[in-house]
Amino acid sequence: RKAIEKLANEMAGADAVLKLRLHLAQPYDNAQP
Protein backbone atom coordinates (compact mmCIF):
# COMPACT_ATOMS: atom_id res chain seq x y z
CA ARG A 1 0.00 0.00 0.00
CA LYS A 2 2.81 2.41 0.82
CA ALA A 3 4.53 1.54 -2.45
CA ILE A 4 1.34 2.32 -4.38
CA GLU A 5 1.03 5.71 -2.69
CA LYS A 6 4.69 6.47 -3.41
CA LEU A 7 4.26 5.46 -7.04
CA ALA A 8 1.14 7.61 -7.37
CA ASN A 9 2.97 10.60 -5.88
CA GLU A 10 5.90 10.12 -8.25
CA MET A 11 3.60 9.83 -11.26
CA ALA A 12 1.71 12.97 -10.22
CA GLY A 13 5.00 14.81 -9.77
CA ALA A 14 6.29 13.63 -13.15
CA ASP A 15 3.03 14.73 -14.80
CA ALA A 16 3.32 18.18 -13.23
CA VAL A 17 6.95 18.49 -14.38
CA LEU A 18 6.00 17.37 -17.88
CA LYS A 19 3.21 19.96 -18.11
CA LEU A 20 5.56 22.63 -16.75
CA ARG A 21 8.18 21.75 -19.37
CA LEU A 22 5.61 21.84 -22.16
CA HIS A 23 4.35 25.19 -20.90
CA LEU A 24 7.87 26.63 -20.74
CA ALA A 25 8.85 25.17 -24.11
CA GLN A 26 6.02 26.80 -26.08
CA PRO A 27 7.44 30.38 -26.18
CA TYR A 28 10.83 29.05 -27.32
CA ASP A 29 9.18 27.03 -30.10
CA ASN A 30 7.31 30.14 -31.24
CA ALA A 31 10.48 32.25 -31.12
CA GLN A 32 12.39 29.76 -33.27
CA PRO A 33 10.22 28.63 -36.22
PDB file of N, CA and C in Angstrom:
ATOM      1  N   ARG A   1       0.845  -1.206   0.000  1.00  0.00           N
ATOM      2  CA  ARG A   1       0.000   0.000   0.000  1.00  0.00           C
ATOM      3  C   ARG A   1       0.879   1.255   0.000  1.00  0.00           C
ATOM      4  N   LYS A   2       1.902   1.251   0.810  1.00  0.00           N
ATOM      5  CA  LYS A   2       2.815   2.406   0.821  1.00  0.00           C
ATOM      6  C   LYS A   2       3.467   2.580  -0.543  1.00  0.00           C
ATOM      7  N   ALA A   3       3.861   1.475  -1.141  1.00  0.00           N
ATOM      8  CA  ALA A   3       4.529   1.543  -2.447  1.00  0.00           C
ATOM      9  C   ALA A   3       3.597   2.143  -3.493  1.00  0.00           C
ATOM     10  N   ILE A   4       2.319   1.795  -3.413  1.00  0.00           N
ATOM     11  CA  ILE A   4       1.344   2.321  -4.381  1.00  0.00           C
ATOM     12  C   ILE A   4       1.201   3.833  -4.203  1.00  0.00           C
ATOM     13  N   GLU A   5       1.151   4.274  -2.943  1.00  0.00           N
ATOM     14  CA  GLU A   5       1.031   5.713  -2.687  1.00  0.00           C
ATOM     15  C   GLU A   5       2.272   6.439  -3.187  1.00  0.00           C
ATOM     16  N   LYS A   6       3.440   5.849  -2.961  1.00  0.00           N
ATOM     17  CA  LYS A   6       4.690   6.467  -3.409  1.00  0.00           C
ATOM     18  C   LYS A   6       4.712   6.557  -4.928  1.00  0.00           C
ATOM     19  N   LEU A   7       4.289   5.485  -5.581  1.00  0.00           N
ATOM     20  CA  LEU A   7       4.263   5.464  -7.045  1.00  0.00           C
ATOM     21  C   LEU A   7       3.292   6.520  -7.573  1.00  0.00           C
ATOM     22  N   ALA A   8       2.136   6.627  -6.937  1.00  0.00           N
ATOM     23  CA  ALA A   8       1.137   7.611  -7.371  1.00  0.00           C
ATOM     24  C   ALA A   8       1.687   9.030  -7.210  1.00  0.00           C
ATOM     25  N   ASN A   9       2.386   9.271  -6.103  1.00  0.00           N
ATOM     26  CA  ASN A   9       2.966  10.601  -5.876  1.00  0.00           C
ATOM     27  C   ASN A   9       4.026  10.899  -6.921  1.00  0.00           C
ATOM     28  N   GLU A  10       4.845   9.914  -7.257  1.00  0.00           N
ATOM     29  CA  GLU A  10       5.899  10.118  -8.250  1.00  0.00           C
ATOM     30  C   GLU A  10       5.300  10.374  -9.626  1.00  0.00           C
ATOM     31  N   MET A  11       4.249   9.643  -9.962  1.00  0.00           N
ATOM     32  CA  MET A  11       3.596   9.832 -11.262  1.00  0.00           C
ATOM     33  C   MET A  11       2.964  11.223 -11.336  1.00  0.00           C
ATOM     34  N   ALA A  12       2.332  11.645 -10.247  1.00  0.00           N
ATOM     35  CA  ALA A  12       1.709  12.969 -10.224  1.00  0.00           C
ATOM     36  C   ALA A  12       2.780  14.045 -10.357  1.00  0.00           C
ATOM     37  N   GLY A  13       3.903  13.853  -9.683  1.00  0.00           N
ATOM     38  CA  GLY A  13       5.000  14.810  -9.770  1.00  0.00           C
ATOM     39  C   GLY A  13       5.567  14.859 -11.178  1.00  0.00           C
ATOM     40  N   ALA A  14       5.744  13.690 -11.795  1.00  0.00           N
ATOM     41  CA  ALA A  14       6.285  13.630 -13.152  1.00  0.00           C
ATOM     42  C   ALA A  14       5.328  14.308 -14.127  1.00  0.00           C
ATOM     43  N   ASP A  15       4.028  14.113 -13.921  1.00  0.00           N
ATOM     44  CA  ASP A  15       3.030  14.728 -14.805  1.00  0.00           C
ATOM     45  C   ASP A  15       3.090  16.252 -14.680  1.00  0.00           C
ATOM     46  N   ALA A  16       3.246  16.735 -13.453  1.00  0.00           N
ATOM     47  CA  ALA A  16       3.324  18.181 -13.232  1.00  0.00           C
ATOM     48  C   ALA A  16       4.568  18.752 -13.897  1.00  0.00           C
ATOM     49  N   VAL A  17       5.695  18.034 -13.763  1.00  0.00           N
ATOM     50  CA  VAL A  17       6.949  18.490 -14.380  1.00  0.00           C
ATOM     51  C   VAL A  17       6.808  18.501 -15.894  1.00  0.00           C
ATOM     52  N   LEU A  18       6.166  17.458 -16.429  1.00  0.00           N
ATOM     53  CA  LEU A  18       5.997  17.368 -17.885  1.00  0.00           C
ATOM     54  C   LEU A  18       5.157  18.541 -18.390  1.00  0.00           C
ATOM     55  N   LYS A  19       4.069  18.838 -17.699  1.00  0.00           N
ATOM     56  CA  LYS A  19       3.209  19.957 -18.105  1.00  0.00           C
ATOM     57  C   LYS A  19       3.973  21.272 -17.998  1.00  0.00           C
ATOM     58  N   LEU A  20       4.783  21.406 -16.932  1.00  0.00           N
ATOM     59  CA  LEU A  20       5.557  22.632 -16.753  1.00  0.00           C
ATOM     60  C   LEU A  20       6.559  22.787 -17.894  1.00  0.00           C
ATOM     61  N   ARG A  21       7.213  21.702 -18.274  1.00  0.00           N
ATOM     62  CA  ARG A  21       8.184  21.750 -19.368  1.00  0.00           C
ATOM     63  C   ARG A  21       7.495  22.111 -20.676  1.00  0.00           C
ATOM     64  N   LEU A  22       6.344  21.533 -20.931  1.00  0.00           N
ATOM     65  CA  LEU A  22       5.612  21.840 -22.162  1.00  0.00           C
ATOM     66  C   LEU A  22       5.215  23.312 -22.168  1.00  0.00           C
ATOM     67  N   HIS A  23       4.781  23.803 -21.008  1.00  0.00           N
ATOM     68  CA  HIS A  23       4.351  25.191 -20.896  1.00  0.00           C
ATOM     69  C   HIS A  23       5.533  26.132 -21.135  1.00  0.00           C
ATOM     70  N   LEU A  24       6.689  25.786 -20.590  1.00  0.00           N
ATOM     71  CA  LEU A  24       7.870  26.635 -20.744  1.00  0.00           C
ATOM     72  C   LEU A  24       8.443  26.532 -22.150  1.00  0.00           C
ATOM     73  N   ALA A  25       8.251  25.405 -22.796  1.00  0.00           N
ATOM     74  CA  ALA A  25       8.854  25.173 -24.109  1.00  0.00           C
ATOM     75  C   ALA A  25       8.105  25.916 -25.220  1.00  0.00           C
ATOM     76  N   GLN A  26       6.827  26.193 -25.026  1.00  0.00           N
ATOM     77  CA  GLN A  26       6.024  26.803 -26.084  1.00  0.00           C
ATOM     78  C   GLN A  26       6.575  28.148 -26.576  1.00  0.00           C
ATOM     79  N   PRO A  27       6.915  29.091 -25.703  1.00  0.00           N
ATOM     80  CA  PRO A  27       7.441  30.379 -26.184  1.00  0.00           C
ATOM     81  C   PRO A  27       8.718  30.206 -27.000  1.00  0.00           C
ATOM     82  N   TYR A  28       9.583  29.276 -26.594  1.00  0.00           N
ATOM     83  CA  TYR A  28      10.826  29.052 -27.324  1.00  0.00           C
ATOM     84  C   TYR A  28      10.529  28.502 -28.709  1.00  0.00           C
ATOM     85  N   ASP A  29       9.552  27.605 -28.798  1.00  0.00           N
ATOM     86  CA  ASP A  29       9.185  27.035 -30.096  1.00  0.00           C
ATOM     87  C   ASP A  29       8.653  28.138 -31.012  1.00  0.00           C
ATOM     88  N   ASN A  30       7.881  29.055 -30.441  1.00  0.00           N
ATOM     89  CA  ASN A  30       7.314  30.143 -31.238  1.00  0.00           C
ATOM     90  C   ASN A  30       8.400  31.128 -31.668  1.00  0.00           C
ATOM     91  N   ALA A  31       9.422  31.290 -30.831  1.00  0.00           N
ATOM     92  CA  ALA A  31      10.483  32.248 -31.124  1.00  0.00           C
ATOM     93  C   ALA A  31      11.432  31.703 -32.189  1.00  0.00           C
ATOM     94  N   GLN A  32      11.485  30.373 -32.300  1.00  0.00           N
ATOM     95  CA  GLN A  32      12.388  29.757 -33.273  1.00  0.00           C
ATOM     96  C   GLN A  32      11.601  28.863 -34.217  1.00  0.00           C
ATOM     97  N   PRO A  33      11.043  29.414 -35.282  1.00  0.00           N
ATOM     98  CA  PRO A  33      10.225  28.631 -36.219  1.00  0.00           C
ATOM     99  C   PRO A  33      11.074  27.665 -37.048  1.00  0.00           C
TER     100      PRO A  33
END
